[in-house]
Amino acid sequence: MVGGKAASTGDLVLVGKEVNPVIKVLTRHGITVTAVHSHMLFETPRLFFLHWWAYDDPEKVARGLQAALEKADIKK
């Protein structure tokens, strides 16, 4: 962390219907989507890997990621 900001990157594995809602939430929270792609050809359900990057206040980044996870169908 420099100046109270954290650099953070990661990826989420999503099904197709989750991709656009998660992108909207991440960008609304200042988190940059750097890639969306698939690794496989015939998996069911179809999976997409969404890569993200953030450089901001750690709590702000965490709130943005939490909001994105709420858009994904993550089982707790």
N, C-alpha and C. Protein backbone atom coordinates (compact mmCIF):
# COMPACT_ATOMS: atom_id res chain seq x y z
N MET A 1 0.85 -1.18 0.00
CA MET A 1 0.00 0.00 0.00
C MET A 1 0.89 1.24 0.00
N VAL A 2 0.55 2.14 -0.86
CA VAL A 2 1.25 3.41 -0.96
C VAL A 2 0.22 4.51 -0.76
N GLY A 3 0.45 5.39 0.16
CA GLY A 3 -0.48 6.48 0.38
C GLY A 3 -1.87 6.01 0.79
N GLY A 4 -1.93 4.88 1.48
CA GLY A 4 -3.22 4.37 1.92
C GLY A 4 -4.00 3.62 0.85
N LYS A 5 -3.41 3.46 -0.32
CA LYS A 5 -4.09 2.75 -1.41
C LYS A 5 -3.49 1.35 -1.57
N ALA A 6 -4.33 0.44 -2.02
CA ALA A 6 -3.89 -0.93 -2.26
C ALA A 6 -4.03 -1.25 -3.74
N ALA A 7 -3.03 -1.95 -4.29
CA ALA A 7 -3.13 -2.49 -5.63
C ALA A 7 -3.61 -3.92 -5.50
N SER A 8 -4.63 -4.25 -6.25
CA SER A 8 -5.23 -5.57 -6.13
C SER A 8 -5.68 -6.06 -7.50
N THR A 9 -5.51 -7.34 -7.71
CA THR A 9 -5.95 -7.94 -8.97
C THR A 9 -6.47 -9.34 -8.68
N GLY A 10 -7.31 -9.83 -9.56
CA GLY A 10 -7.84 -11.16 -9.35
C GLY A 10 -8.74 -11.55 -10.50
N ASP A 11 -9.36 -12.71 -10.34
CA ASP A 11 -10.33 -13.11 -11.35
C ASP A 11 -11.47 -13.86 -10.70
N LEU A 12 -12.60 -13.80 -11.36
CA LEU A 12 -13.81 -14.47 -10.92
C LEU A 12 -14.23 -15.45 -12.00
N VAL A 13 -14.76 -16.58 -11.61
CA VAL A 13 -15.29 -17.55 -12.56
C VAL A 13 -16.81 -17.43 -12.51
N LEU A 14 -17.42 -17.11 -13.65
CA LEU A 14 -18.84 -16.80 -13.71
C LEU A 14 -19.53 -17.59 -14.81
N VAL A 15 -20.82 -17.80 -14.64
CA VAL A 15 -21.62 -18.32 -15.75
C VAL A 15 -22.08 -17.12 -16.58
N GLY A 16 -22.48 -17.37 -17.80
CA GLY A 16 -22.79 -16.29 -18.74
C GLY A 16 -23.72 -15.22 -18.23
N LYS A 17 -24.81 -15.61 -17.57
CA LYS A 17 -25.80 -14.61 -17.12
C LYS A 17 -25.25 -13.70 -16.03
N GLU A 18 -24.13 -14.07 -15.41
CA GLU A 18 -23.55 -13.24 -14.35
C GLU A 18 -22.56 -12.21 -14.86
N VAL A 19 -22.03 -12.41 -16.06
CA VAL A 19 -20.92 -11.58 -16.56
C VAL A 19 -21.29 -10.10 -16.62
N ASN A 20 -22.32 -9.72 -17.34
CA ASN A 20 -22.65 -8.29 -17.49
C ASN A 20 -23.04 -7.63 -16.17
N PRO A 21 -23.88 -8.25 -15.32
CA PRO A 21 -24.19 -7.61 -14.04
C PRO A 21 -22.95 -7.39 -13.16
N VAL A 22 -22.03 -8.35 -13.17
CA VAL A 22 -20.81 -8.21 -12.37
C VAL A 22 -19.93 -7.11 -12.94
N ILE A 23 -19.79 -7.04 -14.26
CA ILE A 23 -19.00 -5.97 -14.88
C ILE A 23 -19.56 -4.60 -14.50
N LYS A 24 -20.86 -4.45 -14.57
CA LYS A 24 -21.49 -3.16 -14.24
C LYS A 24 -21.19 -2.75 -12.80
N VAL A 25 -21.29 -3.69 -11.88
CA VAL A 25 -21.03 -3.38 -10.47
C VAL A 25 -19.56 -3.04 -10.25
N LEU A 26 -18.67 -3.83 -10.82
CA LEU A 26 -17.24 -3.55 -10.64
C LEU A 26 -16.87 -2.17 -11.16
N THR A 27 -17.30 -1.84 -12.37
CA THR A 27 -16.94 -0.54 -12.94
C THR A 27 -17.59 0.61 -12.16
N ARG A 28 -18.79 0.38 -11.65
CA ARG A 28 -19.44 1.41 -10.84
C ARG A 28 -18.64 1.70 -9.56
N HIS A 29 -17.89 0.71 -9.09
CA HIS A 29 -17.08 0.86 -7.89
C HIS A 29 -15.62 1.20 -8.21
N GLY A 30 -15.34 1.57 -9.46
CA GLY A 30 -14.00 2.00 -9.83
C GLY A 30 -13.01 0.87 -10.03
N ILE A 31 -13.50 -0.36 -10.20
CA ILE A 31 -12.65 -1.51 -10.43
C ILE A 31 -12.64 -1.79 -11.93
N THR A 32 -11.45 -1.91 -12.51
CA THR A 32 -11.29 -2.09 -13.94
C THR A 32 -11.36 -3.56 -14.32
N VAL A 33 -12.18 -3.87 -15.30
CA VAL A 33 -12.22 -5.22 -15.86
C VAL A 33 -11.16 -5.27 -16.96
N THR A 34 -10.21 -6.19 -16.83
CA THR A 34 -9.10 -6.25 -17.78
C THR A 34 -9.25 -7.35 -18.82
N ALA A 35 -10.10 -8.35 -18.56
CA ALA A 35 -10.30 -9.42 -19.55
C ALA A 35 -11.51 -10.25 -19.16
N VAL A 36 -12.17 -10.78 -20.18
CA VAL A 36 -13.22 -11.78 -19.99
C VAL A 36 -12.98 -12.84 -21.07
N HIS A 37 -12.81 -14.08 -20.64
CA HIS A 37 -12.53 -15.13 -21.62
C HIS A 37 -12.93 -16.48 -21.06
N SER A 38 -12.82 -17.48 -21.89
CA SER A 38 -13.12 -18.85 -21.49
C SER A 38 -11.89 -19.71 -21.75
N HIS A 39 -11.69 -20.72 -20.93
CA HIS A 39 -10.56 -21.63 -21.09
C HIS A 39 -10.96 -22.94 -21.75
N MET A 40 -12.23 -23.25 -21.71
CA MET A 40 -12.69 -24.56 -22.14
C MET A 40 -13.68 -24.46 -23.29
N LEU A 41 -13.94 -25.57 -23.94
CA LEU A 41 -14.82 -25.57 -25.10
C LEU A 41 -16.19 -26.16 -24.84
N PHE A 42 -16.28 -27.20 -24.04
CA PHE A 42 -17.53 -27.94 -23.94
C PHE A 42 -18.03 -28.11 -22.51
N GLU A 43 -17.61 -27.24 -21.59
CA GLU A 43 -18.05 -27.38 -20.20
C GLU A 43 -19.52 -26.98 -20.06
N THR A 44 -20.16 -27.55 -19.07
CA THR A 44 -21.55 -27.22 -18.76
C THR A 44 -21.65 -27.03 -17.25
N PRO A 45 -22.09 -25.89 -16.80
CA PRO A 45 -22.48 -24.71 -17.59
C PRO A 45 -21.24 -24.02 -18.18
N ARG A 46 -21.46 -23.19 -19.16
CA ARG A 46 -20.39 -22.44 -19.81
C ARG A 46 -19.79 -21.47 -18.79
N LEU A 47 -18.47 -21.49 -18.63
CA LEU A 47 -17.80 -20.65 -17.63
C LEU A 47 -16.96 -19.58 -18.30
N PHE A 48 -16.97 -18.39 -17.68
CA PHE A 48 -16.18 -17.26 -18.15
C PHE A 48 -15.29 -16.78 -17.02
N PHE A 49 -14.07 -16.41 -17.36
CA PHE A 49 -13.11 -15.91 -16.39
C PHE A 49 -13.01 -14.40 -16.57
N LEU A 50 -13.36 -13.68 -15.52
CA LEU A 50 -13.37 -12.21 -15.55
C LEU A 50 -12.20 -11.74 -14.69
N HIS A 51 -11.24 -11.07 -15.31
CA HIS A 51 -10.07 -10.55 -14.61
C HIS A 51 -10.30 -9.07 -14.28
N TRP A 52 -9.88 -8.67 -13.09
CA TRP A 52 -10.08 -7.30 -12.66
C TRP A 52 -8.81 -6.74 -12.03
N TRP A 53 -8.75 -5.40 -11.96
CA TRP A 53 -7.63 -4.67 -11.38
C TRP A 53 -8.20 -3.47 -10.62
N ALA A 54 -7.63 -3.19 -9.45
CA ALA A 54 -8.06 -2.03 -8.67
C ALA A 54 -6.86 -1.40 -7.97
N TYR A 55 -6.88 -0.10 -7.87
CA TYR A 55 -5.88 0.65 -7.10
C TYR A 55 -6.64 1.77 -6.40
N ASP A 56 -6.93 1.53 -5.12
CA ASP A 56 -7.76 2.49 -4.39
C ASP A 56 -7.69 2.17 -2.90
N ASP A 57 -8.49 2.87 -2.15
CA ASP A 57 -8.62 2.60 -0.72
C ASP A 57 -9.04 1.13 -0.53
N PRO A 58 -8.35 0.38 0.31
CA PRO A 58 -8.66 -1.04 0.47
C PRO A 58 -10.12 -1.33 0.83
N GLU A 59 -10.71 -0.52 1.67
CA GLU A 59 -12.11 -0.74 2.04
C GLU A 59 -13.04 -0.49 0.86
N LYS A 60 -12.73 0.50 0.04
CA LYS A 60 -13.55 0.78 -1.14
C LYS A 60 -13.47 -0.39 -2.13
N VAL A 61 -12.27 -0.92 -2.33
CA VAL A 61 -12.10 -2.07 -3.22
C VAL A 61 -12.88 -3.26 -2.67
N ALA A 62 -12.77 -3.50 -1.38
CA ALA A 62 -13.48 -4.63 -0.77
C ALA A 62 -14.99 -4.49 -0.92
N ARG A 63 -15.51 -3.27 -0.75
CA ARG A 63 -16.96 -3.05 -0.93
C ARG A 63 -17.38 -3.32 -2.37
N GLY A 64 -16.56 -2.92 -3.32
CA GLY A 64 -16.86 -3.17 -4.72
C GLY A 64 -16.85 -4.65 -5.05
N LEU A 65 -15.89 -5.37 -4.52
CA LEU A 65 -15.82 -6.81 -4.76
C LEU A 65 -17.00 -7.53 -4.09
N GLN A 66 -17.36 -7.10 -2.90
CA GLN A 66 -18.51 -7.70 -2.22
C GLN A 66 -19.78 -7.47 -3.04
N ALA A 67 -19.95 -6.28 -3.56
CA ALA A 67 -21.14 -5.98 -4.37
C ALA A 67 -21.15 -6.84 -5.63
N ALA A 68 -19.98 -7.07 -6.22
CA ALA A 68 -19.90 -7.91 -7.42
C ALA A 68 -20.25 -9.35 -7.09
N LEU A 69 -19.76 -9.85 -5.97
CA LEU A 69 -20.07 -11.22 -5.57
C LEU A 69 -21.55 -11.40 -5.29
N GLU A 70 -22.20 -10.36 -4.83
CA GLU A 70 -23.64 -10.44 -4.59
C GLU A 70 -24.42 -10.58 -5.90
N LYS A 71 -23.84 -10.12 -7.02
CA LYS A 71 -24.48 -10.27 -8.32
C LYS A 71 -24.25 -11.66 -8.91
N ALA A 72 -23.22 -12.34 -8.41
CA ALA A 72 -22.93 -13.69 -8.87
C ALA A 72 -23.72 -14.66 -7.97
N ASP A 73 -24.01 -15.81 -8.49
CA ASP A 73 -24.78 -16.81 -7.73
C ASP A 73 -23.83 -17.64 -6.88
N ILE A 74 -23.20 -16.98 -5.92
CA ILE A 74 -22.24 -17.63 -5.04
C ILE A 74 -22.99 -18.27 -3.87
N LYS A 75 -22.80 -19.54 -3.69
CA LYS A 75 -23.43 -20.25 -2.57
C LYS A 75 -22.56 -20.10 -1.33
N LYS A 76 -23.15 -19.67 -0.25
CA LYS A 76 -22.39 -19.47 0.99
C LYS A 76 -22.46 -20.71 1.85
